[in-house]
């Protein structure tokens, strides 16, 4: 926990390597000190086929799923910092966004919990 799933246009991974993008998101999330060391998970899904407002403009959107309990201010800081870093990496990409969703602790389960 947490999970950061990066959806992006396929061209994004031609501009920067998937490893570099993933590491940037990981390092930025880690720097917030909101998560335990080693718990952060980041994945990337480049899309060849998509429609963004009837265009094929490049895009990056991150779905961040974190355990409940962080304040709105903490989540806003996390969002702002990740987007700021991605803007530096991709100054010409018109759409860079993130949304943060809370996992409900009462209903979350993984393999080690059963």
PDB file of N, CA and C in Angstrom:
ATOM      1  N   UNK A   1       0.859  -1.154   0.000  1.00  0.00           N
ATOM      2  CA  UNK A   1       0.000   0.000   0.000  1.00  0.00           C
ATOM      3  C   UNK A   1       0.902   1.213   0.000  1.00  0.00           C
ATOM      4  N   UNK A   2       0.748   2.208  -0.650  1.00  0.00           N
ATOM      5  CA  UNK A   2      -0.256   2.608  -1.628  1.00  0.00           C
ATOM      6  C   UNK A   2       0.066   2.099  -3.038  1.00  0.00           C
ATOM      7  N   UNK A   3      -0.909   2.253  -3.921  1.00  0.00           N
ATOM      8  CA  UNK A   3      -0.732   1.885  -5.325  1.00  0.00           C
ATOM      9  C   UNK A   3      -0.894   3.134  -6.187  1.00  0.00           C
ATOM     10  N   UNK A   4       0.075   3.370  -7.062  1.00  0.00           N
ATOM     11  CA  UNK A   4       0.002   4.456  -8.034  1.00  0.00           C
ATOM     12  C   UNK A   4      -0.011   3.816  -9.418  1.00  0.00           C
ATOM     13  N   UNK A   5      -1.130   3.946 -10.121  1.00  0.00           N
ATOM     14  CA  UNK A   5      -1.271   3.362 -11.451  1.00  0.00           C
ATOM     15  C   UNK A   5      -1.276   4.507 -12.454  1.00  0.00           C
ATOM     16  N   UNK A   6      -0.259   4.519 -13.297  1.00  0.00           N
ATOM     17  CA  UNK A   6      -0.079   5.590 -14.274  1.00  0.00           C
ATOM     18  C   UNK A   6      -0.660   5.141 -15.609  1.00  0.00           C
ATOM     19  N   UNK A   7      -1.696   5.813 -16.063  1.00  0.00           N
ATOM     20  CA  UNK A   7      -2.207   5.632 -17.418  1.00  0.00           C
ATOM     21  C   UNK A   7      -1.614   6.762 -18.254  1.00  0.00           C
ATOM     22  N   UNK A   8      -1.182   6.438 -19.458  1.00  0.00           N
ATOM     23  CA  UNK A   8      -0.593   7.467 -20.311  1.00  0.00           C
ATOM     24  C   UNK A   8      -0.682   7.068 -21.774  1.00  0.00           C
ATOM     25  N   UNK A   9      -0.534   8.065 -22.627  1.00  0.00           N
ATOM     26  CA  UNK A   9      -0.441   7.775 -24.052  1.00  0.00           C
ATOM     27  C   UNK A   9       0.887   7.066 -24.298  1.00  0.00           C
ATOM     28  N   UNK A  10       0.902   6.207 -25.292  1.00  0.00           N
ATOM     29  CA  UNK A  10       2.082   5.404 -25.593  1.00  0.00           C
ATOM     30  C   UNK A  10       3.312   6.273 -25.885  1.00  0.00           C
ATOM     31  N   UNK A  11       3.097   7.450 -26.436  1.00  0.00           N
ATOM     32  CA  UNK A  11       4.206   8.343 -26.761  1.00  0.00           C
ATOM     33  C   UNK A  11       4.987   8.772 -25.514  1.00  0.00           C
ATOM     34  N   UNK A  12       4.343   8.780 -24.365  1.00  0.00           N
ATOM     35  CA  UNK A  12       4.996   9.197 -23.114  1.00  0.00           C
ATOM     36  C   UNK A  12       6.227   8.340 -22.836  1.00  0.00           C
ATOM     37  N   UNK A  13       6.113   7.026 -23.065  1.00  0.00           N
ATOM     38  CA  UNK A  13       7.261   6.153 -22.762  1.00  0.00           C
ATOM     39  C   UNK A  13       8.323   6.183 -23.859  1.00  0.00           C
ATOM     40  N   UNK A  14       8.063   6.955 -24.913  1.00  0.00           N
ATOM     41  CA  UNK A  14       9.097   7.226 -25.914  1.00  0.00           C
ATOM     42  C   UNK A  14       9.875   8.486 -25.540  1.00  0.00           C
ATOM     43  N   UNK A  15       9.237   9.366 -24.763  1.00  0.00           N
ATOM     44  CA  UNK A  15       9.885  10.595 -24.308  1.00  0.00           C
ATOM     45  C   UNK A  15      10.815  10.290 -23.131  1.00  0.00           C
ATOM     46  N   UNK A  16      10.309   9.530 -22.174  1.00  0.00           N
ATOM     47  CA  UNK A  16      11.074   9.085 -21.001  1.00  0.00           C
ATOM     48  C   UNK A  16      10.797   7.606 -20.813  1.00  0.00           C
ATOM     49  N   UNK A  17      11.755   6.888 -20.272  1.00  0.00           N
ATOM     50  CA  UNK A  17      11.585   5.443 -20.087  1.00  0.00           C
ATOM     51  C   UNK A  17      10.564   5.164 -18.983  1.00  0.00           C
ATOM     52  N   UNK A  18       9.861   4.035 -19.105  1.00  0.00           N
ATOM     53  CA  UNK A  18       8.935   3.655 -18.037  1.00  0.00           C
ATOM     54  C   UNK A  18       9.620   3.612 -16.669  1.00  0.00           C
ATOM     55  N   UNK A  19      10.829   3.103 -16.641  1.00  0.00           N
ATOM     56  CA  UNK A  19      11.568   3.016 -15.379  1.00  0.00           C
ATOM     57  C   UNK A  19      11.773   4.401 -14.765  1.00  0.00           C
ATOM     58  N   UNK A  20      12.135   5.381 -15.583  1.00  0.00           N
ATOM     59  CA  UNK A  20      12.357   6.740 -15.094  1.00  0.00           C
ATOM     60  C   UNK A  20      11.061   7.369 -14.573  1.00  0.00           C
ATOM     61  N   UNK A  21       9.979   7.163 -15.283  1.00  0.00           N
ATOM     62  CA  UNK A  21       8.678   7.712 -14.874  1.00  0.00           C
ATOM     63  C   UNK A  21       8.225   7.081 -13.558  1.00  0.00           C
ATOM     64  N   UNK A  22       8.283   5.768 -13.507  1.00  0.00           N
ATOM     65  CA  UNK A  22       7.890   5.038 -12.305  1.00  0.00           C
ATOM     66  C   UNK A  22       8.730   5.478 -11.110  1.00  0.00           C
ATOM     67  N   UNK A  23      10.035   5.596 -11.307  1.00  0.00           N
ATOM     68  CA  UNK A  23      10.917   5.984 -10.208  1.00  0.00           C
ATOM     69  C   UNK A  23      10.624   7.399  -9.725  1.00  0.00           C
ATOM     70  N   UNK A  24      10.302   8.300 -10.647  1.00  0.00           N
ATOM     71  CA  UNK A  24       9.982   9.686 -10.268  1.00  0.00           C
ATOM     72  C   UNK A  24       8.731   9.720  -9.387  1.00  0.00           C
ATOM     73  N   UNK A  25       7.707   8.976  -9.766  1.00  0.00           N
ATOM     74  CA  UNK A  25       6.485   8.929  -8.962  1.00  0.00           C
ATOM     75  C   UNK A  25       6.776   8.280  -7.607  1.00  0.00           C
ATOM     76  N   UNK A  26       7.532   7.195  -7.614  1.00  0.00           N
ATOM     77  CA  UNK A  26       7.897   6.507  -6.372  1.00  0.00           C
ATOM     78  C   UNK A  26       8.651   7.449  -5.438  1.00  0.00           C
ATOM     79  N   UNK A  27       9.694   8.076  -5.949  1.00  0.00           N
ATOM     80  CA  UNK A  27      10.529   8.948  -5.118  1.00  0.00           C
ATOM     81  C   UNK A  27       9.745  10.135  -4.572  1.00  0.00           C
ATOM     82  N   UNK A  28       8.868  10.692  -5.384  1.00  0.00           N
ATOM     83  CA  UNK A  28       8.074  11.842  -4.946  1.00  0.00           C
ATOM     84  C   UNK A  28       7.094  11.432  -3.853  1.00  0.00           C
ATOM     85  N   UNK A  29       6.434  10.301  -4.030  1.00  0.00           N
ATOM     86  CA  UNK A  29       5.513   9.805  -2.996  1.00  0.00           C
ATOM     87  C   UNK A  29       6.277   9.485  -1.718  1.00  0.00           C
ATOM     88  N   UNK A  30       7.430   8.868  -1.855  1.00  0.00           N
ATOM     89  CA  UNK A  30       8.244   8.508  -0.702  1.00  0.00           C
ATOM     90  C   UNK A  30       8.696   9.756   0.066  1.00  0.00           C
ATOM     91  N   UNK A  31       9.020  10.818  -0.644  1.00  0.00           N
ATOM     92  CA  UNK A  31       9.507  12.050  -0.026  1.00  0.00           C
ATOM     93  C   UNK A  31       8.449  12.741   0.834  1.00  0.00           C
ATOM     94  N   UNK A  32       7.173  12.400   0.663  1.00  0.00           N
ATOM     95  CA  UNK A  32       6.126  13.005   1.485  1.00  0.00           C
ATOM     96  C   UNK A  32       6.109  12.436   2.903  1.00  0.00           C
ATOM     97  N   UNK A  33       6.754  11.304   3.115  1.00  0.00           N
ATOM     98  CA  UNK A  33       6.788  10.613   4.414  1.00  0.00           C
ATOM     99  C   UNK A  33       5.392  10.170   4.883  1.00  0.00           C
ATOM    100  N   UNK A  34       4.476  10.003   3.945  1.00  0.00           N
ATOM    101  CA  UNK A  34       3.135   9.526   4.289  1.00  0.00           C
ATOM    102  C   UNK A  34       3.043   8.003   4.340  1.00  0.00           C
ATOM    103  N   UNK A  35       4.062   7.322   3.799  1.00  0.00           N
ATOM    104  CA  UNK A  35       3.989   5.881   3.642  1.00  0.00           C
ATOM    105  C   UNK A  35       5.228   5.212   4.225  1.00  0.00           C
ATOM    106  N   UNK A  36       5.058   3.962   4.644  1.00  0.00           N
ATOM    107  CA  UNK A  36       6.188   3.196   5.165  1.00  0.00           C
ATOM    108  C   UNK A  36       7.168   2.875   4.048  1.00  0.00           C
ATOM    109  N   UNK A  37       8.446   2.868   4.383  1.00  0.00           N
ATOM    110  CA  UNK A  37       9.492   2.566   3.416  1.00  0.00           C
ATOM    111  C   UNK A  37       9.226   1.207   2.773  1.00  0.00           C
ATOM    112  N   UNK A  38       9.276   1.159   1.464  1.00  0.00           N
ATOM    113  CA  UNK A  38       9.102  -0.095   0.742  1.00  0.00           C
ATOM    114  C   UNK A  38       7.667  -0.486   0.453  1.00  0.00           C
ATOM    115  N   UNK A  39       6.689   0.277   0.953  1.00  0.00           N
ATOM    116  CA  UNK A  39       5.282  -0.080   0.732  1.00  0.00           C
ATOM    117  C   UNK A  39       4.709   0.476  -0.561  1.00  0.00           C
ATOM    118  N   UNK A  40       5.369   1.445  -1.158  1.00  0.00           N
ATOM    119  CA  UNK A  40       4.837   2.131  -2.335  1.00  0.00           C
ATOM    120  C   UNK A  40       4.941   1.227  -3.561  1.00  0.00           C
ATOM    121  N   UNK A  41       3.848   1.147  -4.308  1.00  0.00           N
ATOM    122  CA  UNK A  41       3.804   0.356  -5.542  1.00  0.00           C
ATOM    123  C   UNK A  41       3.405   1.277  -6.688  1.00  0.00           C
ATOM    124  N   UNK A  42       4.139   1.183  -7.796  1.00  0.00           N
ATOM    125  CA  UNK A  42       3.869   2.038  -8.956  1.00  0.00           C
ATOM    126  C   UNK A  42       3.856   1.166 -10.209  1.00  0.00           C
ATOM    127  N   UNK A  43       2.831   1.360 -11.038  1.00  0.00           N
ATOM    128  CA  UNK A  43       2.723   0.633 -12.305  1.00  0.00           C
ATOM    129  C   UNK A  43       2.375   1.627 -13.403  1.00  0.00           C
ATOM    130  N   UNK A  44       2.678   1.235 -14.646  1.00  0.00           N
ATOM    131  CA  UNK A  44       2.381   2.130 -15.771  1.00  0.00           C
ATOM    132  C   UNK A  44       1.657   1.354 -16.873  1.00  0.00           C
ATOM    133  N   UNK A  45       0.634   1.999 -17.446  1.00  0.00           N
ATOM    134  CA  UNK A  45      -0.147   1.436 -18.548  1.00  0.00           C
ATOM    135  C   UNK A  45      -0.119   2.411 -19.717  1.00  0.00           C
ATOM    136  N   UNK A  46       0.765   2.189 -20.693  1.00  0.00           N
ATOM    137  CA  UNK A  46       0.736   3.053 -21.880  1.00  0.00           C
ATOM    138  C   UNK A  46      -0.357   2.594 -22.845  1.00  0.00           C
ATOM    139  N   UNK A  47      -1.104   3.553 -23.377  1.00  0.00           N
ATOM    140  CA  UNK A  47      -2.203   3.241 -24.280  1.00  0.00           C
ATOM    141  C   UNK A  47      -1.861   3.646 -25.712  1.00  0.00           C
ATOM    142  N   UNK A  48      -2.055   2.703 -26.634  1.00  0.00           N
ATOM    143  CA  UNK A  48      -1.900   2.994 -28.056  1.00  0.00           C
ATOM    144  C   UNK A  48      -3.185   3.627 -28.598  1.00  0.00           C
ATOM    145  N   UNK A  49      -4.312   3.169 -28.084  1.00  0.00           N
ATOM    146  CA  UNK A  49      -5.601   3.632 -28.585  1.00  0.00           C
ATOM    147  C   UNK A  49      -6.340   4.367 -27.471  1.00  0.00           C
ATOM    148  N   UNK A  50      -6.755   5.606 -27.749  1.00  0.00           N
ATOM    149  CA  UNK A  50      -7.477   6.412 -26.777  1.00  0.00           C
ATOM    150  C   UNK A  50      -8.071   7.623 -27.481  1.00  0.00           C
ATOM    151  N   UNK A  51      -8.987   8.284 -26.813  1.00  0.00           N
ATOM    152  CA  UNK A  51      -9.616   9.492 -27.338  1.00  0.00           C
ATOM    153  C   UNK A  51      -9.714  10.488 -26.188  1.00  0.00           C
ATOM    154  N   UNK A  52      -9.047  11.607 -26.308  1.00  0.00           N
ATOM    155  CA  UNK A  52      -9.047  12.654 -25.286  1.00  0.00           C
ATOM    156  C   UNK A  52      -9.700  13.889 -25.899  1.00  0.00           C
ATOM    157  N   UNK A  53     -10.976  14.101 -25.597  1.00  0.00           N
ATOM    158  CA  UNK A  53     -11.672  15.254 -26.167  1.00  0.00           C
ATOM    159  C   UNK A  53     -11.656  15.263 -27.673  1.00  0.00           C
ATOM    160  N   UNK A  54     -11.761  14.066 -28.255  1.00  0.00           N
ATOM    161  CA  UNK A  54     -11.741  13.869 -29.700  1.00  0.00           C
ATOM    162  C   UNK A  54     -10.391  14.217 -30.322  1.00  0.00           C
ATOM    163  N   UNK A  55      -9.319  14.059 -29.523  1.00  0.00           N
ATOM    164  CA  UNK A  55      -7.947  14.238 -30.013  1.00  0.00           C
ATOM    165  C   UNK A  55      -7.115  13.036 -29.590  1.00  0.00           C
ATOM    166  N   UNK A  56      -5.911  12.993 -30.072  1.00  0.00           N
ATOM    167  CA  UNK A  56      -4.936  12.007 -29.599  1.00  0.00           C
ATOM    168  C   UNK A  56      -3.761  12.737 -28.944  1.00  0.00           C
ATOM    169  N   UNK A  57      -4.078  13.839 -28.240  1.00  0.00           N
ATOM    170  CA  UNK A  57      -3.045  14.544 -27.475  1.00  0.00           C
ATOM    171  C   UNK A  57      -2.451  13.597 -26.434  1.00  0.00           C
ATOM    172  N   UNK A  58      -1.171  13.806 -26.152  1.00  0.00           N
ATOM    173  CA  UNK A  58      -0.536  13.015 -25.103  1.00  0.00           C
ATOM    174  C   UNK A  58      -1.162  13.333 -23.753  1.00  0.00           C
ATOM    175  N   UNK A  59      -1.134  12.330 -22.868  1.00  0.00           N
ATOM    176  CA  UNK A  59      -1.693  12.517 -21.528  1.00  0.00           C
ATOM    177  C   UNK A  59      -0.990  11.620 -20.528  1.00  0.00           C
ATOM    178  N   UNK A  60      -1.073  12.030 -19.276  1.00  0.00           N
ATOM    179  CA  UNK A  60      -0.663  11.216 -18.135  1.00  0.00           C
ATOM    180  C   UNK A  60      -1.731  11.410 -17.073  1.00  0.00           C
ATOM    181  N   UNK A  61      -2.275  10.318 -16.578  1.00  0.00           N
ATOM    182  CA  UNK A  61      -3.185  10.402 -15.439  1.00  0.00           C
ATOM    183  C   UNK A  61      -2.801   9.314 -14.446  1.00  0.00           C
ATOM    184  N   UNK A  62      -2.706   9.685 -13.184  1.00  0.00           N
ATOM    185  CA  UNK A  62      -2.351   8.732 -12.132  1.00  0.00           C
ATOM    186  C   UNK A  62      -3.557   8.494 -11.243  1.00  0.00           C
ATOM    187  N   UNK A  63      -3.862   7.213 -11.055  1.00  0.00           N
ATOM    188  CA  UNK A  63      -4.866   6.792 -10.088  1.00  0.00           C
ATOM    189  C   UNK A  63      -4.095   6.357  -8.846  1.00  0.00           C
ATOM    190  N   UNK A  64      -4.213   7.123  -7.782  1.00  0.00           N
ATOM    191  CA  UNK A  64      -3.523   6.812  -6.535  1.00  0.00           C
ATOM    192  C   UNK A  64      -4.523   6.237  -5.546  1.00  0.00           C
ATOM    193  N   UNK A  65      -4.249   5.049  -5.083  1.00  0.00           N
ATOM    194  CA  UNK A  65      -5.100   4.384  -4.099  1.00  0.00           C
ATOM    195  C   UNK A  65      -4.308   4.233  -2.817  1.00  0.00           C
ATOM    196  N   UNK A  66      -4.757   4.901  -1.756  1.00  0.00           N
ATOM    197  CA  UNK A  66      -4.019   4.883  -0.502  1.00  0.00           C
ATOM    198  C   UNK A  66      -4.958   4.472   0.637  1.00  0.00           C
ATOM    199  N   UNK A  67      -4.369   3.968   1.723  1.00  0.00           N
ATOM    200  CA  UNK A  67      -5.167   3.594   2.884  1.00  0.00           C
ATOM    201  C   UNK A  67      -5.759   4.838   3.525  1.00  0.00           C
ATOM    202  N   UNK A  68      -7.014   4.751   3.925  1.00  0.00           N
ATOM    203  CA  UNK A  68      -7.676   5.880   4.570  1.00  0.00           C
ATOM    204  C   UNK A  68      -6.869   6.353   5.784  1.00  0.00           C
ATOM    205  N   UNK A  69      -7.129   7.593   6.180  1.00  0.00           N
ATOM    206  CA  UNK A  69      -6.490   8.111   7.381  1.00  0.00           C
ATOM    207  C   UNK A  69      -5.639   9.348   7.151  1.00  0.00           C
ATOM    208  N   UNK A  70      -5.337   9.665   5.894  1.00  0.00           N
ATOM    209  CA  UNK A  70      -4.584  10.893   5.618  1.00  0.00           C
ATOM    210  C   UNK A  70      -5.563  12.061   5.512  1.00  0.00           C
ATOM    211  N   UNK A  71      -5.082  13.231   5.880  1.00  0.00           N
ATOM    212  CA  UNK A  71      -5.923  14.421   5.806  1.00  0.00           C
ATOM    213  C   UNK A  71      -6.044  14.887   4.361  1.00  0.00           C
ATOM    214  N   UNK A  72      -7.025  15.736   4.118  1.00  0.00           N
ATOM    215  CA  UNK A  72      -7.176  16.332   2.795  1.00  0.00           C
ATOM    216  C   UNK A  72      -5.918  17.126   2.447  1.00  0.00           C
ATOM    217  N   UNK A  73      -5.357  17.835   3.398  1.00  0.00           N
ATOM    218  CA  UNK A  73      -4.134  18.616   3.147  1.00  0.00           C
ATOM    219  C   UNK A  73      -2.968  17.706   2.761  1.00  0.00           C
ATOM    220  N   UNK A  74      -2.826  16.572   3.415  1.00  0.00           N
ATOM    221  CA  UNK A  74      -1.756  15.628   3.072  1.00  0.00           C
ATOM    222  C   UNK A  74      -1.946  15.076   1.665  1.00  0.00           C
ATOM    223  N   UNK A  75      -3.180  14.739   1.317  1.00  0.00           N
ATOM    224  CA  UNK A  75      -3.457  14.206  -0.025  1.00  0.00           C
ATOM    225  C   UNK A  75      -3.257  15.284  -1.089  1.00  0.00           C
ATOM    226  N   UNK A  76      -3.633  16.509  -0.787  1.00  0.00           N
ATOM    227  CA  UNK A  76      -3.427  17.618  -1.718  1.00  0.00           C
ATOM    228  C   UNK A  76      -1.929  17.847  -1.943  1.00  0.00           C
ATOM    229  N   UNK A  77      -1.146  17.802  -0.885  1.00  0.00           N
ATOM    230  CA  UNK A  77       0.305  17.948  -0.999  1.00  0.00           C
ATOM    231  C   UNK A  77       0.902  16.836  -1.862  1.00  0.00           C
ATOM    232  N   UNK A  78       0.456  15.615  -1.649  1.00  0.00           N
ATOM    233  CA  UNK A  78       0.914  14.475  -2.448  1.00  0.00           C
ATOM    234  C   UNK A  78       0.592  14.699  -3.925  1.00  0.00           C
ATOM    235  N   UNK A  79      -0.643  15.082  -4.220  1.00  0.00           N
ATOM    236  CA  UNK A  79      -1.052  15.347  -5.604  1.00  0.00           C
ATOM    237  C   UNK A  79      -0.211  16.457  -6.230  1.00  0.00           C
ATOM    238  N   UNK A  80      -0.097  17.571  -5.519  1.00  0.00           N
ATOM    239  CA  UNK A  80       0.643  18.723  -6.048  1.00  0.00           C
ATOM    240  C   UNK A  80       2.099  18.378  -6.328  1.00  0.00           C
ATOM    241  N   UNK A  81       2.729  17.643  -5.422  1.00  0.00           N
ATOM    242  CA  UNK A  81       4.150  17.317  -5.598  1.00  0.00           C
ATOM    243  C   UNK A  81       4.382  16.375  -6.783  1.00  0.00           C
ATOM    244  N   UNK A  82       3.518  15.383  -6.937  1.00  0.00           N
ATOM    245  CA  UNK A  82       3.668  14.455  -8.065  1.00  0.00           C
ATOM    246  C   UNK A  82       3.456  15.185  -9.382  1.00  0.00           C
ATOM    247  N   UNK A  83       2.411  16.000  -9.468  1.00  0.00           N
ATOM    248  CA  UNK A  83       2.153  16.729 -10.710  1.00  0.00           C
ATOM    249  C   UNK A  83       3.277  17.716 -11.003  1.00  0.00           C
ATOM    250  N   UNK A  84       3.794  18.392  -9.996  1.00  0.00           N
ATOM    251  CA  UNK A  84       4.905  19.334 -10.204  1.00  0.00           C
ATOM    252  C   UNK A  84       6.122  18.622 -10.795  1.00  0.00           C
ATOM    253  N   UNK A  85       6.444  17.443 -10.292  1.00  0.00           N
ATOM    254  CA  UNK A  85       7.591  16.688 -10.807  1.00  0.00           C
ATOM    255  C   UNK A  85       7.353  16.210 -12.226  1.00  0.00           C
ATOM    256  N   UNK A  86       6.144  15.762 -12.526  1.00  0.00           N
ATOM    257  CA  UNK A  86       5.848  15.295 -13.880  1.00  0.00           C
ATOM    258  C   UNK A  86       5.830  16.450 -14.879  1.00  0.00           C
ATOM    259  N   UNK A  87       5.397  17.634 -14.437  1.00  0.00           N
ATOM    260  CA  UNK A  87       5.452  18.810 -15.316  1.00  0.00           C
ATOM    261  C   UNK A  87       6.892  19.130 -15.706  1.00  0.00           C
ATOM    262  N   UNK A  88       7.823  18.931 -14.779  1.00  0.00           N
ATOM    263  CA  UNK A  88       9.238  19.159 -15.093  1.00  0.00           C
ATOM    264  C   UNK A  88       9.758  18.133 -16.102  1.00  0.00           C
ATOM    265  N   UNK A  89       9.327  16.889 -15.956  1.00  0.00           N
ATOM    266  CA  UNK A  89       9.755  15.828 -16.882  1.00  0.00           C
ATOM    267  C   UNK A  89       9.108  15.963 -18.255  1.00  0.00           C
ATOM    268  N   UNK A  90       7.866  16.459 -18.279  1.00  0.00           N
ATOM    269  CA  UNK A  90       7.082  16.503 -19.510  1.00  0.00           C
ATOM    270  C   UNK A  90       6.480  17.895 -19.728  1.00  0.00           C
ATOM    271  N   UNK A  91       7.300  18.896 -19.988  1.00  0.00           N
ATOM    272  CA  UNK A  91       6.785  20.264 -20.106  1.00  0.00           C
ATOM    273  C   UNK A  91       5.836  20.478 -21.287  1.00  0.00           C
ATOM    274  N   UNK A  92       5.880  19.620 -22.292  1.00  0.00           N
ATOM    275  CA  UNK A  92       5.035  19.795 -23.478  1.00  0.00           C
ATOM    276  C   UNK A  92       3.806  18.894 -23.512  1.00  0.00           C
ATOM    277  N   UNK A  93       3.603  18.108 -22.455  1.00  0.00           N
ATOM    278  CA  UNK A  93       2.431  17.240 -22.402  1.00  0.00           C
ATOM    279  C   UNK A  93       1.265  18.061 -21.860  1.00  0.00           C
ATOM    280  N   UNK A  94       0.169  18.167 -22.634  1.00  0.00           N
ATOM    281  CA  UNK A  94      -0.917  19.074 -22.247  1.00  0.00           C
ATOM    282  C   UNK A  94      -1.780  18.599 -21.078  1.00  0.00           C
ATOM    283  N   UNK A  95      -1.844  17.297 -20.857  1.00  0.00           N
ATOM    284  CA  UNK A  95      -2.717  16.772 -19.812  1.00  0.00           C
ATOM    285  C   UNK A  95      -1.902  15.916 -18.848  1.00  0.00           C
ATOM    286  N   UNK A  96      -1.737  16.418 -17.629  1.00  0.00           N
ATOM    287  CA  UNK A  96      -1.076  15.671 -16.564  1.00  0.00           C
ATOM    288  C   UNK A  96      -1.963  15.827 -15.329  1.00  0.00           C
ATOM    289  N   UNK A  97      -2.471  14.711 -14.821  1.00  0.00           N
ATOM    290  CA  UNK A  97      -3.425  14.797 -13.721  1.00  0.00           C
ATOM    291  C   UNK A  97      -3.303  13.593 -12.787  1.00  0.00           C
ATOM    292  N   UNK A  98      -3.938  13.720 -11.622  1.00  0.00           N
ATOM    293  CA  UNK A  98      -3.934  12.654 -10.617  1.00  0.00           C
ATOM    294  C   UNK A  98      -5.241  12.725  -9.838  1.00  0.00           C
ATOM    295  N   UNK A  99      -5.708  11.592  -9.370  1.00  0.00           N
ATOM    296  CA  UNK A  99      -6.756  11.588  -8.358  1.00  0.00           C
ATOM    297  C   UNK A  99      -6.386  10.570  -7.295  1.00  0.00           C
ATOM    298  N   UNK A 100      -6.752  10.887  -6.077  1.00  0.00           N
ATOM    299  CA  UNK A 100      -6.426  10.021  -4.944  1.00  0.00           C
ATOM    300  C   UNK A 100      -7.718   9.460  -4.375  1.00  0.00           C
ATOM    301  N   UNK A 101      -7.718   8.145  -4.219  1.00  0.00           N
ATOM    302  CA  UNK A 101      -8.860   7.451  -3.630  1.00  0.00           C
ATOM    303  C   UNK A 101      -8.388   6.735  -2.366  1.00  0.00           C
ATOM    304  N   UNK A 102      -9.231   6.718  -1.357  1.00  0.00           N
ATOM    305  CA  UNK A 102      -8.910   6.030  -0.112  1.00  0.00           C
ATOM    306  C   UNK A 102      -9.403   4.591  -0.132  1.00  0.00           C
ATOM    307  N   UNK A 103      -8.516   3.670   0.281  1.00  0.00           N
ATOM    308  CA  UNK A 103      -8.942   2.315   0.585  1.00  0.00           C
ATOM    309  C   UNK A 103      -9.621   2.363   1.952  1.00  0.00           C
ATOM    310  N   UNK A 104     -10.674   1.618   2.123  1.00  0.00           N
ATOM    311  CA  UNK A 104     -11.320   1.506   3.415  1.00  0.00           C
ATOM    312  C   UNK A 104     -10.628   0.401   4.202  1.00  0.00           C
ATOM    313  N   UNK A 105     -10.049   0.750   5.335  1.00  0.00           N
ATOM    314  CA  UNK A 105      -9.286  -0.208   6.145  1.00  0.00           C
ATOM    315  C   UNK A 105     -10.128  -1.429   6.525  1.00  0.00           C
ATOM    316  N   UNK A 106     -11.398  -1.222   6.835  1.00  0.00           N
ATOM    317  CA  UNK A 106     -12.275  -2.304   7.275  1.00  0.00           C
ATOM    318  C   UNK A 106     -12.511  -3.358   6.199  1.00  0.00           C
ATOM    319  N   UNK A 107     -12.439  -2.969   4.929  1.00  0.00           N
ATOM    320  CA  UNK A 107     -12.740  -3.919   3.856  1.00  0.00           C
ATOM    321  C   UNK A 107     -11.517  -4.314   3.034  1.00  0.00           C
ATOM    322  N   UNK A 108     -10.364  -3.709   3.306  1.00  0.00           N
ATOM    323  CA  UNK A 108      -9.155  -4.056   2.557  1.00  0.00           C
ATOM    324  C   UNK A 108      -8.650  -5.419   3.010  1.00  0.00           C
ATOM    325  N   UNK A 109      -8.218  -6.227   2.055  1.00  0.00           N
ATOM    326  CA  UNK A 109      -7.667  -7.538   2.365  1.00  0.00           C
ATOM    327  C   UNK A 109      -6.593  -7.875   1.339  1.00  0.00           C
ATOM    328  N   UNK A 110      -5.544  -8.520   1.795  1.00  0.00           N
ATOM    329  CA  UNK A 110      -4.542  -9.062   0.889  1.00  0.00           C
ATOM    330  C   UNK A 110      -4.187 -10.480   1.320  1.00  0.00           C
ATOM    331  N   UNK A 111      -3.349 -11.118   0.563  1.00  0.00           N
ATOM    332  CA  UNK A 111      -3.006 -12.528   0.762  1.00  0.00           C
ATOM    333  C   UNK A 111      -2.515 -12.833   2.166  1.00  0.00           C
ATOM    334  N   UNK A 112      -1.689 -11.964   2.722  1.00  0.00           N
ATOM    335  CA  UNK A 112      -1.126 -12.233   4.042  1.00  0.00           C
ATOM    336  C   UNK A 112      -2.141 -12.054   5.175  1.00  0.00           C
ATOM    337  N   UNK A 113      -3.273 -11.476   4.879  1.00  0.00           N
ATOM    338  CA  UNK A 113      -4.290 -11.218   5.910  1.00  0.00           C
ATOM    339  C   UNK A 113      -5.288 -12.360   6.044  1.00  0.00           C
ATOM    340  N   UNK A 114      -5.252 -13.317   5.129  1.00  0.00           N
ATOM    341  CA  UNK A 114      -6.237 -14.412   5.134  1.00  0.00           C
ATOM    342  C   UNK A 114      -5.596 -15.677   5.673  1.00  0.00           C
TER     343      UNK A 114
END
